[in-house]
Amino acid sequence: MTGRERILAVLAGQMEAHLPCMPITMMFAADILGAKYGQYVRNHRIMADAQIKTAEMFGFDHVSVISDPACEASDLGANIRWYEDQPPAIIEDEALFSDKSALVRVKAADLILGERMENRVRAVELLRERVGKDLFVEGWVEGPCAEAADLRGINRLMIDFSDDSVFVHELFELTLGVAIRFSTAQIDAGADIIGVGDAAASLVGPRIYDEFVWPWEKRLVDSIHANGGKVRLHICGNTRRILSGMGKLGCDMVDIDYLVAMEQARSKMGPQQTLTGNLDPVRDLRNGSPETIAQALEKVQQEVGAQWIVAAGCEIVRDTPHENVQALARFAQTHTRRDRVG
C-alpha cells in the first residue's frame, strides 16, 4: 500500500497495514535539502525537491506546499518583509487594509493568481508529476479569518468584530473569494487535499466564531469538496472553545494542536472525524527522545482511537533531531488503527 492509499484508507474509515504519518515540514524540509528558506518559499522546484527528499528520508506519506502565511497577501499587494533564511513576514503596521476604504478598490472576482500563488500551483504540479502516484499531495491556502488578519492587521480585525460587522463581512467575502480561486487552481494542478490554515480563528470565542468565521470556513470547505479536493483544517493554538464548530465543517481531517487534549477533541467532534496531531513540536518532539516520543504517541492513540493520522500539533521545528523525526514515522509504521482504550 502506498502512502497515498494509506491516507485515503484512513479518511474513508477503512483498515490498512499501518497508520499514516503526515507532519507539517517547512523550514525543516528546506534544511534537509540544504536550501535557504527564502529560496524555498519562492522557487517551486526547490520546494518540491525538499519535500520529496524529506518524505523519502523519513518515510512520510505525503508532500505539501505549505510555506508561509504571506503567500496570498503578497500577491494582493501587502507589504512583506523578506528574509534570507526565515519565513517572509507581513508588516502589520502597514497592513493593506489598515484604511478600510482601500477594501472597496479590491474585488476577488477581478483577481488573478500572482507570482507567489502561481509558484505554489507549479509546486503542486511538480509534486503530482514526480510522486503523486505514491504520496498524498497537499495544497495549502490561508483560511478566511487568517487572511483577513493578514490584510487588515490582527489587532484591528479583533476590534472590527465588535465595532464594524458589516466591514468584517465584506472583508471575509474577499478573503473567501481568494481562497476559493487559489484552492481550485491547486486542485486542478493535482492536489489531493487542501490544507486550510486559519490560525487567527483560535483567538476568538464561540460567539464570534459562529457568526463571523464558521460560515466562511464552511463555504470554503464546500467549495473544495465540490471541486474534487479533500480538506485539512489547521487552526493552530488553543481551539478548545470552538472545537464543536470545527467538527461541524465537514473537513476530511482536522489538526489538533498540543494546547488541546486529544480526548477533548474526540469528545467534541465525534468518532468519525479524522484527527491529526497533537504532540508539542518543541517539548515533545524537538526536546524529547525516541523513547518519550513513542510514549507520548501511545497516549494520544489511546485517547483518539481509530480515525487518526500521526503528526505533531504544528510544524516540525527546523532543528529537531533526525532520530526524533524518525521516531514519529516509526510509530506510524509499527502501529495500526484501533479503537479508543477506556
Protein backbone atom coordinates (compact mmCIF):
# COMPACT_ATOMS: atom_id res chain seq x y z
CA MET A 1 0.00 0.00 0.00
CA THR A 2 1.37 3.43 -0.94
CA GLY A 3 1.36 6.42 1.36
CA ARG A 4 -1.37 7.99 -0.73
CA GLU A 5 -3.52 4.87 -0.49
CA ARG A 6 -2.87 4.66 3.24
CA ILE A 7 -4.14 8.18 3.92
CA LEU A 8 -7.17 7.69 1.69
CA ALA A 9 -7.98 4.47 3.54
CA VAL A 10 -7.95 6.20 6.93
CA LEU A 11 -10.05 9.09 5.64
CA ALA A 12 -12.56 6.52 4.37
CA GLY A 13 -12.61 4.71 7.72
CA GLN A 14 -11.05 1.59 6.27
CA MET A 15 -8.46 -0.73 7.72
CA GLU A 16 -4.91 -0.53 6.41
CA ALA A 17 -1.49 -2.02 7.12
CA HIS A 18 -0.37 0.77 9.45
CA LEU A 19 -1.04 4.35 10.45
CA PRO A 20 -0.17 7.19 8.06
CA CYS A 21 2.38 9.84 9.03
CA MET A 22 1.62 13.36 7.80
CA PRO A 23 3.60 16.00 9.74
CA ILE A 24 3.99 19.61 8.63
CA THR A 25 7.52 20.38 7.44
CA MET A 26 8.63 23.74 6.10
CA MET A 27 11.96 25.10 7.38
CA PHE A 28 12.86 21.56 8.42
CA ALA A 29 12.43 20.39 4.81
CA ALA A 30 14.44 23.31 3.41
CA ASP A 31 17.28 22.44 5.78
CA ILE A 32 17.15 18.79 4.71
CA LEU A 33 17.77 19.92 1.13
CA GLY A 34 20.37 22.50 2.21
CA ALA A 35 18.40 25.41 0.79
CA LYS A 36 17.84 28.84 2.30
CA TYR A 37 14.24 29.31 3.32
CA GLY A 38 13.91 32.48 1.27
CA GLN A 39 14.61 30.34 -1.79
CA TYR A 40 12.29 27.56 -0.63
CA VAL A 41 9.20 29.78 -0.48
CA ARG A 42 9.86 31.44 -3.86
CA ASN A 43 11.11 28.59 -6.04
CA HIS A 44 8.70 25.74 -6.69
CA ARG A 45 11.47 23.40 -7.81
CA ILE A 46 13.40 23.84 -4.58
CA MET A 47 10.21 23.31 -2.58
CA ALA A 48 9.37 20.12 -4.47
CA ASP A 49 12.90 18.77 -4.17
CA ALA A 50 12.94 19.46 -0.43
CA GLN A 51 9.54 17.90 0.20
CA ILE A 52 10.34 14.77 -1.77
CA LYS A 53 13.74 14.30 -0.14
CA THR A 54 12.24 14.77 3.33
CA ALA A 55 9.36 12.37 2.69
CA GLU A 56 11.72 9.73 1.34
CA MET A 57 14.29 10.17 4.12
CA PHE A 58 11.77 9.82 6.95
CA GLY A 59 9.05 7.67 5.41
CA PHE A 60 6.28 10.26 5.37
CA ASP A 61 3.12 9.54 3.41
CA HIS A 62 2.61 12.98 1.92
CA VAL A 63 4.25 16.05 0.44
CA SER A 64 2.98 19.60 0.90
CA VAL A 65 3.32 23.12 -0.49
CA ILE A 66 2.67 24.90 2.82
CA SER A 67 5.28 27.61 3.22
CA ASP A 68 4.17 30.84 4.94
CA PRO A 69 1.06 32.96 5.62
CA ALA A 70 2.21 35.79 3.35
CA CYS A 71 1.67 34.00 0.04
CA GLU A 72 -1.75 35.37 -0.88
CA ALA A 73 -1.24 38.70 0.88
CA SER A 74 1.94 39.30 -1.09
CA ASP A 75 0.12 38.88 -4.41
CA LEU A 76 -2.68 41.15 -3.23
CA GLY A 77 -0.19 43.95 -2.70
CA ALA A 78 0.58 43.74 1.02
CA ASN A 79 3.92 44.98 2.27
CA ILE A 80 6.14 42.00 3.02
CA ARG A 81 9.46 41.84 4.82
CA TRP A 82 11.74 39.23 3.26
CA TYR A 83 14.50 37.28 4.96
CA GLU A 84 17.24 35.10 3.56
CA ASP A 85 16.61 32.11 5.81
CA GLN A 86 13.33 32.79 7.62
CA PRO A 87 9.69 32.94 6.50
CA PRO A 88 8.58 36.23 4.95
CA ALA A 89 6.53 38.38 7.32
CA ILE A 90 3.60 40.70 6.76
CA ILE A 91 4.29 44.19 8.12
CA GLU A 92 1.32 44.67 10.43
CA ASP A 93 1.75 48.42 10.82
CA GLU A 94 1.46 48.76 7.05
CA ALA A 95 -1.39 46.28 6.51
CA LEU A 96 -3.03 46.53 3.11
CA PHE A 97 -6.43 47.39 4.57
CA SER A 98 -5.34 49.39 7.60
CA ASP A 99 -7.51 52.03 5.93
CA LYS A 100 -10.92 50.38 5.49
CA SER A 101 -11.70 52.40 2.40
CA ALA A 102 -9.00 50.51 0.49
CA LEU A 103 -11.17 47.39 0.52
CA VAL A 104 -13.66 48.79 -2.00
CA ARG A 105 -10.89 49.01 -4.60
CA VAL A 106 -10.18 45.25 -4.49
CA LYS A 107 -12.64 42.63 -5.70
CA ALA A 108 -11.94 38.89 -5.60
CA ALA A 109 -13.60 38.38 -8.98
CA ASP A 110 -11.04 40.69 -10.60
CA LEU A 111 -8.01 38.98 -9.08
CA ILE A 112 -5.64 36.70 -10.92
CA LEU A 113 -3.07 34.47 -9.31
CA GLY A 114 0.09 36.47 -8.78
CA GLU A 115 3.69 35.32 -8.77
CA ARG A 116 3.66 33.70 -5.35
CA MET A 117 0.35 31.88 -5.71
CA GLU A 118 1.31 30.73 -9.20
CA ASN A 119 4.59 29.42 -7.79
CA ARG A 120 2.67 27.28 -5.29
CA VAL A 121 0.45 25.93 -8.04
CA ARG A 122 3.56 24.98 -10.03
CA ALA A 123 4.91 23.18 -6.96
CA VAL A 124 1.71 21.13 -6.76
CA GLU A 125 2.06 20.22 -10.44
CA LEU A 126 5.65 19.12 -9.98
CA LEU A 127 4.88 17.05 -6.89
CA ARG A 128 1.97 15.37 -8.64
CA GLU A 129 4.16 14.55 -11.63
CA ARG A 130 7.07 13.19 -9.62
CA VAL A 131 5.49 11.38 -6.64
CA GLY A 132 1.72 11.73 -6.99
CA LYS A 133 1.13 8.04 -7.54
CA ASP A 134 2.79 7.12 -4.26
CA LEU A 135 2.43 10.13 -1.94
CA PHE A 136 -0.56 12.27 -0.99
CA VAL A 137 -0.13 15.74 -2.50
CA GLU A 138 -1.26 18.57 -0.26
CA GLY A 139 -2.04 22.09 -1.43
CA TRP A 140 -2.46 24.96 1.00
CA VAL A 141 -4.43 28.20 1.40
CA GLU A 142 -4.96 30.76 4.13
CA GLY A 143 -8.38 30.45 5.70
CA PRO A 144 -10.83 33.39 5.57
CA CYS A 145 -10.10 34.62 9.11
CA ALA A 146 -6.31 34.25 8.88
CA GLU A 147 -6.17 36.06 5.54
CA ALA A 148 -8.42 38.81 6.87
CA ALA A 149 -5.98 39.26 9.76
CA ASP A 150 -3.07 39.35 7.30
CA LEU A 151 -4.71 42.06 5.22
CA ARG A 152 -6.29 44.17 7.96
CA GLY A 153 -3.88 43.54 10.85
CA ILE A 154 -4.76 41.12 13.62
CA ASN A 155 -5.38 43.77 16.28
CA ARG A 156 -7.60 45.87 14.02
CA LEU A 157 -9.60 42.81 12.99
CA MET A 158 -10.30 41.83 16.59
CA ILE A 159 -11.72 45.31 17.23
CA ASP A 160 -13.71 45.21 13.98
CA PHE A 161 -15.60 42.13 15.17
CA SER A 162 -17.27 44.37 17.76
CA ASP A 163 -17.21 47.75 16.03
CA ASP A 164 -17.93 47.11 12.34
CA SER A 165 -19.54 43.80 11.49
CA VAL A 166 -20.50 45.00 8.00
CA PHE A 167 -16.87 45.66 7.12
CA VAL A 168 -15.81 42.29 8.51
CA HIS A 169 -18.37 40.50 6.35
CA GLU A 170 -17.16 42.37 3.27
CA LEU A 171 -13.54 41.59 4.10
CA PHE A 172 -14.32 37.90 4.62
CA GLU A 173 -16.13 37.79 1.28
CA LEU A 174 -12.90 38.97 -0.33
CA THR A 175 -10.67 36.52 1.52
CA LEU A 176 -13.08 33.67 0.82
CA GLY A 177 -13.04 34.51 -2.88
CA VAL A 178 -9.25 34.47 -2.93
CA ALA A 179 -9.14 31.14 -1.09
CA ILE A 180 -11.66 29.53 -3.43
CA ARG A 181 -9.82 30.66 -6.54
CA PHE A 182 -6.43 29.61 -5.14
CA SER A 183 -7.61 26.23 -3.87
CA THR A 184 -9.35 25.47 -7.16
CA ALA A 185 -6.14 26.17 -9.08
CA GLN A 186 -4.21 23.79 -6.83
CA ILE A 187 -6.82 21.04 -7.18
CA ASP A 188 -6.70 21.47 -10.95
CA ALA A 189 -2.90 21.14 -10.73
CA GLY A 190 -3.20 17.80 -8.94
CA ALA A 191 -3.60 18.41 -5.19
CA ASP A 192 -5.38 15.58 -3.38
CA ILE A 193 -6.16 17.70 -0.36
CA ILE A 194 -6.11 21.40 0.50
CA GLY A 195 -4.78 22.45 3.87
CA VAL A 196 -6.70 25.44 5.21
CA GLY A 197 -4.61 27.38 7.71
CA ASP A 198 -6.88 29.62 9.77
CA ALA A 199 -4.74 30.33 12.82
CA ALA A 200 -6.40 33.64 13.73
CA ALA A 201 -9.62 31.76 14.44
CA SER A 202 -8.05 30.35 17.61
CA LEU A 203 -8.14 33.86 19.12
CA VAL A 204 -11.92 34.23 19.11
CA GLY A 205 -14.64 32.69 21.25
CA PRO A 206 -17.66 30.65 20.15
CA ARG A 207 -19.95 33.62 19.52
CA ILE A 208 -17.60 35.39 17.15
CA TYR A 209 -16.50 32.11 15.58
CA ASP A 210 -20.09 31.08 14.87
CA GLU A 211 -21.10 34.46 13.45
CA PHE A 212 -18.02 35.64 11.59
CA VAL A 213 -15.71 32.69 10.93
CA TRP A 214 -17.62 29.42 10.64
CA PRO A 215 -19.93 30.44 7.75
CA TRP A 216 -16.99 31.44 5.55
CA GLU A 217 -14.90 28.40 6.51
CA LYS A 218 -17.91 26.23 5.68
CA ARG A 219 -18.30 27.80 2.26
CA LEU A 220 -14.60 27.22 1.56
CA VAL A 221 -14.81 23.59 2.68
CA ASP A 222 -17.87 23.03 0.50
CA SER A 223 -16.15 24.67 -2.49
CA ILE A 224 -13.06 22.47 -2.16
CA HIS A 225 -15.23 19.37 -1.95
CA ALA A 226 -17.30 20.46 -4.95
CA ASN A 227 -14.08 20.82 -6.94
CA GLY A 228 -12.95 17.30 -6.09
CA GLY A 229 -10.48 18.00 -3.27
CA LYS A 230 -10.34 16.96 0.35
CA VAL A 231 -9.85 19.38 3.24
CA ARG A 232 -7.35 19.51 6.11
CA LEU A 233 -8.26 22.19 8.64
CA HIS A 234 -5.30 23.59 10.56
CA ILE A 235 -6.07 26.10 13.30
CA CYS A 236 -3.00 26.14 15.50
CA GLY A 237 -3.26 27.32 19.07
CA ASN A 238 -5.91 26.76 21.72
CA THR A 239 -9.15 25.86 19.95
CA ARG A 240 -10.95 24.26 22.89
CA ARG A 241 -13.83 26.77 22.79
CA ILE A 242 -14.56 26.26 19.10
CA LEU A 243 -13.99 22.51 18.72
CA SER A 244 -17.66 21.73 18.22
CA GLY A 245 -17.95 24.22 15.38
CA MET A 246 -14.76 22.96 13.76
CA GLY A 247 -16.18 19.45 13.87
CA LYS A 248 -19.32 20.53 12.01
CA LEU A 249 -17.49 21.93 8.98
CA GLY A 250 -17.28 18.53 7.28
CA CYS A 251 -13.48 18.58 6.89
CA ASP A 252 -11.83 15.32 5.95
CA MET A 253 -9.20 15.81 8.64
CA VAL A 254 -8.68 18.32 11.44
CA ASP A 255 -5.32 19.13 13.03
CA ILE A 256 -5.27 19.40 16.81
CA ASP A 257 -2.50 21.46 18.38
CA TYR A 258 -0.81 20.45 21.62
CA LEU A 259 -2.76 23.04 23.65
CA VAL A 260 -5.91 20.93 23.23
CA ALA A 261 -6.26 17.47 24.76
CA MET A 262 -6.93 14.94 22.02
CA GLU A 263 -9.51 13.26 24.24
CA GLN A 264 -11.46 16.54 24.39
CA ALA A 265 -11.25 17.00 20.62
CA ARG A 266 -12.56 13.49 20.06
CA SER A 267 -15.41 14.05 22.50
CA LYS A 268 -16.45 17.32 20.81
CA MET A 269 -16.08 16.15 17.21
CA GLY A 270 -17.33 12.58 17.42
CA PRO A 271 -15.84 9.21 16.46
CA GLN A 272 -15.97 9.65 12.68
CA GLN A 273 -13.85 12.81 12.39
CA THR A 274 -10.27 12.05 11.34
CA LEU A 275 -7.91 13.93 13.65
CA THR A 276 -4.22 14.70 13.29
CA GLY A 277 -1.64 15.56 15.91
CA ASN A 278 -1.06 16.53 18.61
CA LEU A 279 2.46 16.34 20.07
CA ASP A 280 4.07 19.58 21.24
CA PRO A 281 6.59 20.29 18.43
CA VAL A 282 9.14 21.66 20.90
CA ARG A 283 8.66 19.93 24.25
CA ASP A 284 7.67 16.50 22.94
CA LEU A 285 9.35 16.28 19.54
CA ARG A 286 12.36 18.57 19.45
CA ASN A 287 13.37 18.19 23.10
CA GLY A 288 12.24 14.62 23.60
CA SER A 289 13.86 11.30 22.80
CA PRO A 290 12.69 8.43 20.58
CA GLU A 291 11.50 6.66 23.72
CA THR A 292 9.50 9.57 25.14
CA ILE A 293 8.05 10.34 21.70
CA ALA A 294 6.78 6.77 21.39
CA GLN A 295 5.22 7.02 24.84
CA ALA A 296 3.52 10.31 24.02
CA LEU A 297 2.13 8.92 20.77
CA GLU A 298 0.85 5.83 22.57
CA LYS A 299 -1.08 8.08 24.92
CA VAL A 300 -2.54 10.08 22.04
CA GLN A 301 -3.67 6.92 20.27
CA GLN A 302 -5.42 5.70 23.39
CA GLU A 303 -7.33 8.99 23.56
CA VAL A 304 -8.12 9.47 19.89
CA GLY A 305 -9.00 5.99 18.65
CA ALA A 306 -9.05 4.74 15.07
CA GLN A 307 -9.57 7.90 13.00
CA TRP A 308 -6.10 9.35 13.49
CA ILE A 309 -3.09 10.38 11.40
CA VAL A 310 0.29 10.70 13.15
CA ALA A 311 1.80 14.20 13.31
CA ALA A 312 2.90 16.89 15.70
CA GLY A 313 0.43 19.60 16.66
CA CYS A 314 2.09 22.08 14.30
CA GLU A 315 5.22 22.47 12.17
CA ILE A 316 8.25 20.32 12.98
CA VAL A 317 10.86 22.72 14.34
CA ARG A 318 13.80 23.09 11.98
CA ASP A 319 16.48 21.89 14.44
CA THR A 320 14.56 18.82 15.60
CA PRO A 321 16.97 15.85 15.85
CA HIS A 322 16.56 13.49 12.93
CA GLU A 323 16.25 10.48 15.21
CA ASN A 324 13.21 12.13 16.84
CA VAL A 325 11.51 12.67 13.49
CA GLN A 326 12.32 9.09 12.59
CA ALA A 327 10.65 8.02 15.84
CA LEU A 328 7.46 9.81 14.74
CA ALA A 329 7.42 7.92 11.46
CA ARG A 330 8.47 4.64 13.09
CA PHE A 331 5.48 4.76 15.43
CA ALA A 332 3.15 5.14 12.46
CA GLN A 333 4.84 2.31 10.61
CA THR A 334 4.55 -0.09 13.54
CA HIS A 335 1.00 0.67 14.71
CA THR A 336 -2.39 0.03 13.17
CA ARG A 337 -5.75 1.72 13.57
CA ARG A 338 -7.57 0.81 16.76
CA ASP A 339 -10.46 1.99 18.83
CA ARG A 340 -10.01 4.16 21.89
CA VAL A 341 -8.91 2.46 25.07
CA GLY A 342 -11.11 3.14 28.12
